[in-house]
Amino acid sequence: MAFSSTLQNVKLGLLALAISVGFAVKGNNAHAAGTDSLVVAGGCFWCVESDFEKVKGVKDVVSGFAGGTVANPSYKQVTKGGTGHYESVKITYDPAVISPKQIYDLFFRSVDPTDAGGQFCDRGNSYRTAIFVEDAQQRKAAEAAKAEAQSALGQKVVTPILKVGAFYPADSYHQDYYKSSDRILTRFGPLRKSAAYKRYREACGRDQRVKALWGDAAPFTH
């Protein structure tokens, strides 16, 4: 058991090094000009947006909904259940700086991909993890990242890889929530959204669980 635990820690450490090297250095391969985009679901979209807007090569992250059957759903409809949507983000990135595989590697290490019932304190179908792919290249990258995540953890990764359909942006209230200076009324009294977000993230245990699961391979814990 001790040997198995040590081996897993070594694998996670090597993955952290590989991700950080690949993440920081531009590759030599030629890429198409402009930007590409992909969609992932990792629980609370405020948190996923906050994480990935810090990533070099990412140009924009939009909070929204994917994977459902209702057009233009509201936040209330999605969280109530029955629409089939996941809280998701659309990540627009520069493929000359960062690849889909690198983004998926970061994604897996920013969530608990072993949890099929939601993420952290947020429970229910809309908070499950998923990767939504639009072509064979994205699917290949996602499948490789998923296999590596499962091997590193030594546990079953339940995050599905699904064909992307319509992505519906959430309303403006939810965009850039983590850095908004707008004031709202909370159970702690009036707070800026940024302060309310920080309290929510800490209380929900997101970073604590990710750090416990991934150790030094977790890219966004603080």
C-alpha atoms as a PDB file:
ATOM      1  CA  MET A   1       0.000   0.000   0.000  1.00  0.00           C
ATOM      2  CA  ALA A   2       2.833   2.437   0.885  1.00  0.00           C
ATOM      3  CA  PHE A   3       4.634   1.617  -2.376  1.00  0.00           C
ATOM      4  CA  SER A   4       1.418   2.184  -4.358  1.00  0.00           C
ATOM      5  CA  SER A   5       0.894   5.567  -2.673  1.00  0.00           C
ATOM      6  CA  THR A   6       4.488   6.600  -3.361  1.00  0.00           C
ATOM      7  CA  LEU A   7       4.202   5.553  -7.005  1.00  0.00           C
ATOM      8  CA  GLN A   8       1.007   7.577  -7.415  1.00  0.00           C
ATOM      9  CA  ASN A   9       2.685  10.653  -5.892  1.00  0.00           C
ATOM     10  CA  VAL A  10       5.609  10.272  -8.289  1.00  0.00           C
ATOM     11  CA  LYS A  11       3.234  10.015 -11.260  1.00  0.00           C
ATOM     12  CA  LEU A  12       1.354  13.127 -10.151  1.00  0.00           C
ATOM     13  CA  GLY A  13       4.611  15.005  -9.687  1.00  0.00           C
ATOM     14  CA  LEU A  14       5.844  14.063 -13.156  1.00  0.00           C
ATOM     15  CA  LEU A  15       2.520  15.088 -14.663  1.00  0.00           C
ATOM     16  CA  ALA A  16       2.671  18.440 -12.887  1.00  0.00           C
ATOM     17  CA  LEU A  17       6.133  19.036 -14.337  1.00  0.00           C
ATOM     18  CA  ALA A  18       5.072  17.986 -17.834  1.00  0.00           C
ATOM     19  CA  ILE A  19       1.993  20.199 -17.752  1.00  0.00           C
ATOM     20  CA  SER A  20       3.878  23.230 -16.452  1.00  0.00           C
ATOM     21  CA  VAL A  21       6.594  22.870 -19.098  1.00  0.00           C
ATOM     22  CA  GLY A  22       4.120  22.394 -21.923  1.00  0.00           C
ATOM     23  CA  PHE A  23       1.954  25.157 -20.531  1.00  0.00           C
ATOM     24  CA  ALA A  24       4.669  27.795 -20.328  1.00  0.00           C
ATOM     25  CA  VAL A  25       6.571  27.171 -23.572  1.00  0.00           C
ATOM     26  CA  LYS A  26       5.225  27.634 -27.077  1.00  0.00           C
ATOM     27  CA  GLY A  27       5.543  24.595 -29.308  1.00  0.00           C
ATOM     28  CA  ASN A  28       7.406  24.579 -32.600  1.00  0.00           C
ATOM     29  CA  ASN A  29       4.532  23.108 -34.602  1.00  0.00           C
ATOM     30  CA  ALA A  30       2.655  25.303 -37.024  1.00  0.00           C
ATOM     31  CA  HIS A  31      -0.880  26.275 -36.033  1.00  0.00           C
ATOM     32  CA  ALA A  32      -3.760  27.880 -37.808  1.00  0.00           C
ATOM     33  CA  ALA A  33      -3.923  31.640 -37.443  1.00  0.00           C
ATOM     34  CA  GLY A  34      -6.514  33.160 -35.149  1.00  0.00           C
ATOM     35  CA  THR A  35      -8.311  31.480 -32.275  1.00  0.00           C
ATOM     36  CA  ASP A  36     -10.172  28.255 -31.539  1.00  0.00           C
ATOM     37  CA  SER A  37     -12.657  27.383 -28.818  1.00  0.00           C
ATOM     38  CA  LEU A  38     -13.762  24.420 -26.732  1.00  0.00           C
ATOM     39  CA  VAL A  39     -16.386  23.747 -24.067  1.00  0.00           C
ATOM     40  CA  VAL A  40     -15.974  22.071 -20.677  1.00  0.00           C
ATOM     41  CA  ALA A  41     -18.169  21.661 -17.595  1.00  0.00           C
ATOM     42  CA  GLY A  42     -16.512  21.651 -14.191  1.00  0.00           C
ATOM     43  CA  GLY A  43     -19.151  22.466 -11.627  1.00  0.00           C
ATOM     44  CA  CYS A  44     -19.718  26.125 -10.769  1.00  0.00           C
ATOM     45  CA  PHE A  45     -18.960  28.080 -13.936  1.00  0.00           C
ATOM     46  CA  TRP A  46     -17.819  31.114 -11.954  1.00  0.00           C
ATOM     47  CA  CYS A  47     -14.900  29.013 -10.674  1.00  0.00           C
ATOM     48  CA  VAL A  48     -13.969  27.477 -14.031  1.00  0.00           C
ATOM     49  CA  GLU A  49     -14.070  30.917 -15.657  1.00  0.00           C
ATOM     50  CA  SER A  50     -11.866  32.329 -12.906  1.00  0.00           C
ATOM     51  CA  ASP A  51      -9.331  29.511 -13.285  1.00  0.00           C
ATOM     52  CA  PHE A  52      -8.973  29.541 -17.051  1.00  0.00           C
ATOM     53  CA  GLU A  53      -8.852  33.291 -17.509  1.00  0.00           C
ATOM     54  CA  LYS A  54      -5.455  33.046 -15.763  1.00  0.00           C
ATOM     55  CA  VAL A  55      -4.051  30.659 -18.384  1.00  0.00           C
ATOM     56  CA  LYS A  56      -1.501  31.905 -20.891  1.00  0.00           C
ATOM     57  CA  GLY A  57      -2.927  31.674 -24.403  1.00  0.00           C
ATOM     58  CA  VAL A  58      -6.559  31.823 -23.289  1.00  0.00           C
ATOM     59  CA  LYS A  59      -8.249  34.858 -24.799  1.00  0.00           C
ATOM     60  CA  ASP A  60     -11.732  34.657 -23.325  1.00  0.00           C
ATOM     61  CA  VAL A  61     -13.900  32.473 -21.097  1.00  0.00           C
ATOM     62  CA  VAL A  62     -17.690  32.713 -21.163  1.00  0.00           C
ATOM     63  CA  SER A  63     -19.961  31.131 -18.562  1.00  0.00           C
ATOM     64  CA  GLY A  64     -23.021  29.366 -19.943  1.00  0.00           C
ATOM     65  CA  PHE A  65     -24.871  26.128 -20.490  1.00  0.00           C
ATOM     66  CA  ALA A  66     -24.287  23.115 -22.753  1.00  0.00           C
ATOM     67  CA  GLY A  67     -25.585  19.597 -23.275  1.00  0.00           C
ATOM     68  CA  GLY A  68     -29.274  20.225 -22.784  1.00  0.00           C
ATOM     69  CA  THR A  69     -32.485  20.059 -24.781  1.00  0.00           C
ATOM     70  CA  VAL A  70     -34.065  23.455 -24.003  1.00  0.00           C
ATOM     71  CA  ALA A  71     -33.156  26.498 -26.104  1.00  0.00           C
ATOM     72  CA  ASN A  72     -31.844  29.572 -24.285  1.00  0.00           C
ATOM     73  CA  PRO A  73     -32.366  28.221 -20.773  1.00  0.00           C
ATOM     74  CA  SER A  74     -32.257  30.491 -17.761  1.00  0.00           C
ATOM     75  CA  TYR A  75     -29.967  29.896 -14.816  1.00  0.00           C
ATOM     76  CA  LYS A  76     -33.016  29.115 -12.691  1.00  0.00           C
ATOM     77  CA  GLN A  77     -34.260  26.517 -15.191  1.00  0.00           C
ATOM     78  CA  VAL A  78     -30.891  24.778 -15.381  1.00  0.00           C
ATOM     79  CA  THR A  79     -30.250  24.634 -11.645  1.00  0.00           C
ATOM     80  CA  LYS A  80     -33.815  23.466 -10.980  1.00  0.00           C
ATOM     81  CA  GLY A  81     -33.190  20.478 -13.281  1.00  0.00           C
ATOM     82  CA  GLY A  82     -34.929  18.918 -16.216  1.00  0.00           C
ATOM     83  CA  THR A  83     -33.254  20.792 -19.078  1.00  0.00           C
ATOM     84  CA  GLY A  84     -30.289  18.423 -19.331  1.00  0.00           C
ATOM     85  CA  HIS A  85     -27.786  21.277 -19.320  1.00  0.00           C
ATOM     86  CA  TYR A  86     -24.452  21.412 -17.553  1.00  0.00           C
ATOM     87  CA  GLU A  87     -23.036  24.637 -16.147  1.00  0.00           C
ATOM     88  CA  SER A  88     -20.227  25.075 -18.663  1.00  0.00           C
ATOM     89  CA  VAL A  89     -17.683  27.491 -20.028  1.00  0.00           C
ATOM     90  CA  LYS A  90     -16.614  28.236 -23.567  1.00  0.00           C
ATOM     91  CA  ILE A  91     -12.859  28.793 -23.685  1.00  0.00           C
ATOM     92  CA  THR A  92     -11.441  30.765 -26.605  1.00  0.00           C
ATOM     93  CA  TYR A  93      -7.707  30.306 -26.981  1.00  0.00           C
ATOM     94  CA  ASP A  94      -4.741  30.909 -29.256  1.00  0.00           C
ATOM     95  CA  PRO A  95      -3.637  27.518 -30.670  1.00  0.00           C
ATOM     96  CA  ALA A  96      -0.176  28.954 -31.310  1.00  0.00           C
ATOM     97  CA  VAL A  97       0.279  29.259 -27.538  1.00  0.00           C
ATOM     98  CA  ILE A  98      -1.722  26.426 -25.968  1.00  0.00           C
ATOM     99  CA  SER A  99      -3.234  23.224 -27.367  1.00  0.00           C
ATOM    100  CA  PRO A 100      -6.565  21.521 -26.614  1.00  0.00           C
ATOM    101  CA  LYS A 101      -4.680  18.691 -24.895  1.00  0.00           C
ATOM    102  CA  GLN A 102      -2.957  21.131 -22.540  1.00  0.00           C
ATOM    103  CA  ILE A 103      -6.282  22.776 -21.714  1.00  0.00           C
ATOM    104  CA  TYR A 104      -7.912  19.398 -21.025  1.00  0.00           C
ATOM    105  CA  ASP A 105      -4.974  18.390 -18.810  1.00  0.00           C
ATOM    106  CA  LEU A 106      -5.432  21.571 -16.794  1.00  0.00           C
ATOM    107  CA  PHE A 107      -9.179  21.021 -16.684  1.00  0.00           C
ATOM    108  CA  PHE A 108      -8.973  17.518 -15.226  1.00  0.00           C
ATOM    109  CA  ARG A 109      -6.576  18.755 -12.537  1.00  0.00           C
ATOM    110  CA  SER A 110      -8.914  21.597 -11.581  1.00  0.00           C
ATOM    111  CA  VAL A 111     -11.904  19.365 -10.745  1.00  0.00           C
ATOM    112  CA  ASP A 112     -12.801  16.086  -9.066  1.00  0.00           C
ATOM    113  CA  PRO A 113     -13.366  13.866 -12.121  1.00  0.00           C
ATOM    114  CA  THR A 114     -14.200  10.883  -9.902  1.00  0.00           C
ATOM    115  CA  ASP A 115     -17.448  12.478  -8.670  1.00  0.00           C
ATOM    116  CA  ALA A 116     -20.535  11.619 -10.740  1.00  0.00           C
ATOM    117  CA  GLY A 117     -23.004  13.534  -8.571  1.00  0.00           C
ATOM    118  CA  GLY A 118     -21.804  17.104  -8.971  1.00  0.00           C
ATOM    119  CA  GLN A 119     -18.769  19.025  -7.805  1.00  0.00           C
ATOM    120  CA  PHE A 120     -17.762  19.810  -4.245  1.00  0.00           C
ATOM    121  CA  CYS A 121     -20.710  21.395  -2.360  1.00  0.00           C
ATOM    122  CA  ASP A 122     -22.769  21.780  -5.553  1.00  0.00           C
ATOM    123  CA  ARG A 123     -24.823  18.655  -6.152  1.00  0.00           C
ATOM    124  CA  GLY A 124     -27.059  17.657  -9.038  1.00  0.00           C
ATOM    125  CA  ASN A 125     -26.851  17.007 -12.760  1.00  0.00           C
ATOM    126  CA  SER A 126     -26.131  20.586 -13.792  1.00  0.00           C
ATOM    127  CA  TYR A 127     -22.907  20.563 -11.733  1.00  0.00           C
ATOM    128  CA  ARG A 128     -21.420  17.378 -13.190  1.00  0.00           C
ATOM    129  CA  THR A 129     -18.177  17.434 -15.136  1.00  0.00           C
ATOM    130  CA  ALA A 130     -18.036  16.905 -18.903  1.00  0.00           C
ATOM    131  CA  ILE A 131     -15.984  17.711 -21.974  1.00  0.00           C
ATOM    132  CA  PHE A 132     -17.879  18.706 -25.112  1.00  0.00           C
ATOM    133  CA  VAL A 133     -15.991  18.105 -28.359  1.00  0.00           C
ATOM    134  CA  GLU A 134     -16.708  19.380 -31.841  1.00  0.00           C
ATOM    135  CA  ASP A 135     -14.345  17.323 -33.987  1.00  0.00           C
ATOM    136  CA  ALA A 136     -12.022  14.321 -34.100  1.00  0.00           C
ATOM    137  CA  GLN A 137      -9.007  16.376 -33.026  1.00  0.00           C
ATOM    138  CA  GLN A 138     -10.691  17.571 -29.846  1.00  0.00           C
ATOM    139  CA  ARG A 139     -12.016  14.076 -29.091  1.00  0.00           C
ATOM    140  CA  LYS A 140      -8.564  12.541 -29.465  1.00  0.00           C
ATOM    141  CA  ALA A 141      -7.044  15.168 -27.163  1.00  0.00           C
ATOM    142  CA  ALA A 142      -9.831  14.772 -24.607  1.00  0.00           C
ATOM    143  CA  GLU A 143      -9.586  10.988 -24.581  1.00  0.00           C
ATOM    144  CA  ALA A 144      -5.810  11.141 -24.106  1.00  0.00           C
ATOM    145  CA  ALA A 145      -6.157  13.621 -21.245  1.00  0.00           C
ATOM    146  CA  LYS A 146      -8.854  11.507 -19.597  1.00  0.00           C
ATOM    147  CA  ALA A 147      -6.770   8.332 -19.826  1.00  0.00           C
ATOM    148  CA  GLU A 148      -3.758  10.089 -18.309  1.00  0.00           C
ATOM    149  CA  ALA A 149      -5.872  11.549 -15.506  1.00  0.00           C
ATOM    150  CA  GLN A 150      -7.295   8.133 -14.661  1.00  0.00           C
ATOM    151  CA  SER A 151      -3.856   6.543 -14.665  1.00  0.00           C
ATOM    152  CA  ALA A 152      -2.426   9.288 -12.459  1.00  0.00           C
ATOM    153  CA  LEU A 153      -5.224   9.022  -9.900  1.00  0.00           C
ATOM    154  CA  GLY A 154      -5.547   5.255  -9.952  1.00  0.00           C
ATOM    155  CA  GLN A 155      -9.312   5.807  -9.803  1.00  0.00           C
ATOM    156  CA  LYS A 156     -12.110   5.708 -12.350  1.00  0.00           C
ATOM    157  CA  VAL A 157     -12.639   9.047 -14.080  1.00  0.00           C
ATOM    158  CA  VAL A 158     -16.361   9.486 -14.717  1.00  0.00           C
ATOM    159  CA  THR A 159     -16.201  12.684 -16.784  1.00  0.00           C
ATOM    160  CA  PRO A 160     -17.953  11.937 -20.102  1.00  0.00           C
ATOM    161  CA  ILE A 161     -16.716  13.157 -23.480  1.00  0.00           C
ATOM    162  CA  LEU A 162     -19.777  14.323 -25.386  1.00  0.00           C
ATOM    163  CA  LYS A 163     -20.515  15.784 -28.792  1.00  0.00           C
ATOM    164  CA  VAL A 164     -20.958  19.508 -28.446  1.00  0.00           C
ATOM    165  CA  GLY A 165     -24.286  21.023 -29.388  1.00  0.00           C
ATOM    166  CA  ALA A 166     -25.551  24.523 -28.748  1.00  0.00           C
ATOM    167  CA  PHE A 167     -23.753  26.599 -26.125  1.00  0.00           C
ATOM    168  CA  TYR A 168     -25.887  29.267 -24.479  1.00  0.00           C
ATOM    169  CA  PRO A 169     -24.095  32.080 -22.621  1.00  0.00           C
ATOM    170  CA  ALA A 170     -25.486  32.855 -19.187  1.00  0.00           C
ATOM    171  CA  ASP A 171     -26.761  36.372 -18.637  1.00  0.00           C
ATOM    172  CA  SER A 172     -24.373  39.214 -17.836  1.00  0.00           C
ATOM    173  CA  TYR A 173     -24.876  38.821 -14.070  1.00  0.00           C
ATOM    174  CA  HIS A 174     -22.786  35.627 -14.194  1.00  0.00           C
ATOM    175  CA  GLN A 175     -19.948  36.795 -16.441  1.00  0.00           C
ATOM    176  CA  ASP A 176     -16.659  37.668 -14.674  1.00  0.00           C
ATOM    177  CA  TYR A 177     -18.455  37.214 -11.360  1.00  0.00           C
ATOM    178  CA  TYR A 178     -15.195  36.529  -9.545  1.00  0.00           C
ATOM    179  CA  LYS A 179     -13.755  39.977 -10.270  1.00  0.00           C
ATOM    180  CA  SER A 180     -16.877  42.136 -10.351  1.00  0.00           C
ATOM    181  CA  SER A 181     -17.039  45.166  -8.051  1.00  0.00           C
ATOM    182  CA  ASP A 182     -20.858  45.226  -8.206  1.00  0.00           C
ATOM    183  CA  ARG A 183     -22.396  44.994  -4.749  1.00  0.00           C
ATOM    184  CA  ILE A 184     -24.990  42.353  -3.877  1.00  0.00           C
ATOM    185  CA  LEU A 185     -26.866  41.416  -0.737  1.00  0.00           C
ATOM    186  CA  THR A 186     -25.650  38.159   0.823  1.00  0.00           C
ATOM    187  CA  ARG A 187     -26.233  36.374   4.117  1.00  0.00           C
ATOM    188  CA  PHE A 188     -23.050  38.136   5.270  1.00  0.00           C
ATOM    189  CA  GLY A 189     -24.539  41.513   4.371  1.00  0.00           C
ATOM    190  CA  PRO A 190     -23.781  43.698   1.302  1.00  0.00           C
ATOM    191  CA  LEU A 191     -20.623  42.535  -0.470  1.00  0.00           C
ATOM    192  CA  ARG A 192     -18.897  43.022  -3.790  1.00  0.00           C
ATOM    193  CA  LYS A 193     -19.421  40.031  -6.057  1.00  0.00           C
ATOM    194  CA  SER A 194     -15.684  39.359  -5.946  1.00  0.00           C
ATOM    195  CA  ALA A 195     -15.765  39.075  -2.157  1.00  0.00           C
ATOM    196  CA  ALA A 196     -18.919  36.949  -2.224  1.00  0.00           C
ATOM    197  CA  TYR A 197     -17.290  34.669  -4.784  1.00  0.00           C
ATOM    198  CA  LYS A 198     -14.207  34.203  -2.625  1.00  0.00           C
ATOM    199  CA  ARG A 199     -16.336  33.270   0.389  1.00  0.00           C
ATOM    200  CA  TYR A 200     -18.381  30.841  -1.702  1.00  0.00           C
ATOM    201  CA  ARG A 201     -15.302  29.135  -3.146  1.00  0.00           C
ATOM    202  CA  GLU A 202     -13.708  28.693   0.258  1.00  0.00           C
ATOM    203  CA  ALA A 203     -16.928  27.424   1.880  1.00  0.00           C
ATOM    204  CA  CYS A 204     -17.599  25.013  -0.969  1.00  0.00           C
ATOM    205  CA  GLY A 205     -14.234  23.297  -0.450  1.00  0.00           C
ATOM    206  CA  ARG A 206     -13.253  23.341  -4.123  1.00  0.00           C
ATOM    207  CA  ASP A 207      -9.555  24.088  -3.716  1.00  0.00           C
ATOM    208  CA  GLN A 208      -9.206  21.874  -0.659  1.00  0.00           C
ATOM    209  CA  ARG A 209     -10.606  18.836  -2.461  1.00  0.00           C
ATOM    210  CA  VAL A 210      -8.657  19.456  -5.678  1.00  0.00           C
ATOM    211  CA  LYS A 211      -5.428  19.855  -3.710  1.00  0.00           C
ATOM    212  CA  ALA A 212      -6.105  16.668  -1.742  1.00  0.00           C
ATOM    213  CA  LEU A 213      -6.831  14.754  -4.959  1.00  0.00           C
ATOM    214  CA  TRP A 214      -4.109  16.139  -7.244  1.00  0.00           C
ATOM    215  CA  GLY A 215      -1.414  17.487  -4.914  1.00  0.00           C
ATOM    216  CA  ASP A 216       1.242  19.509  -6.736  1.00  0.00           C
ATOM    217  CA  ALA A 217      -0.382  18.676 -10.093  1.00  0.00           C
ATOM    218  CA  ALA A 218      -3.339  20.968  -9.227  1.00  0.00           C
ATOM    219  CA  PRO A 219      -2.685  24.145 -11.250  1.00  0.00           C
ATOM    220  CA  PHE A 220      -5.150  26.613  -9.722  1.00  0.00           C
ATOM    221  CA  THR A 221      -5.339  25.906  -5.983  1.00  0.00           C
ATOM    222  CA  HIS A 222      -4.358  28.753  -3.700  1.00  0.00           C
END
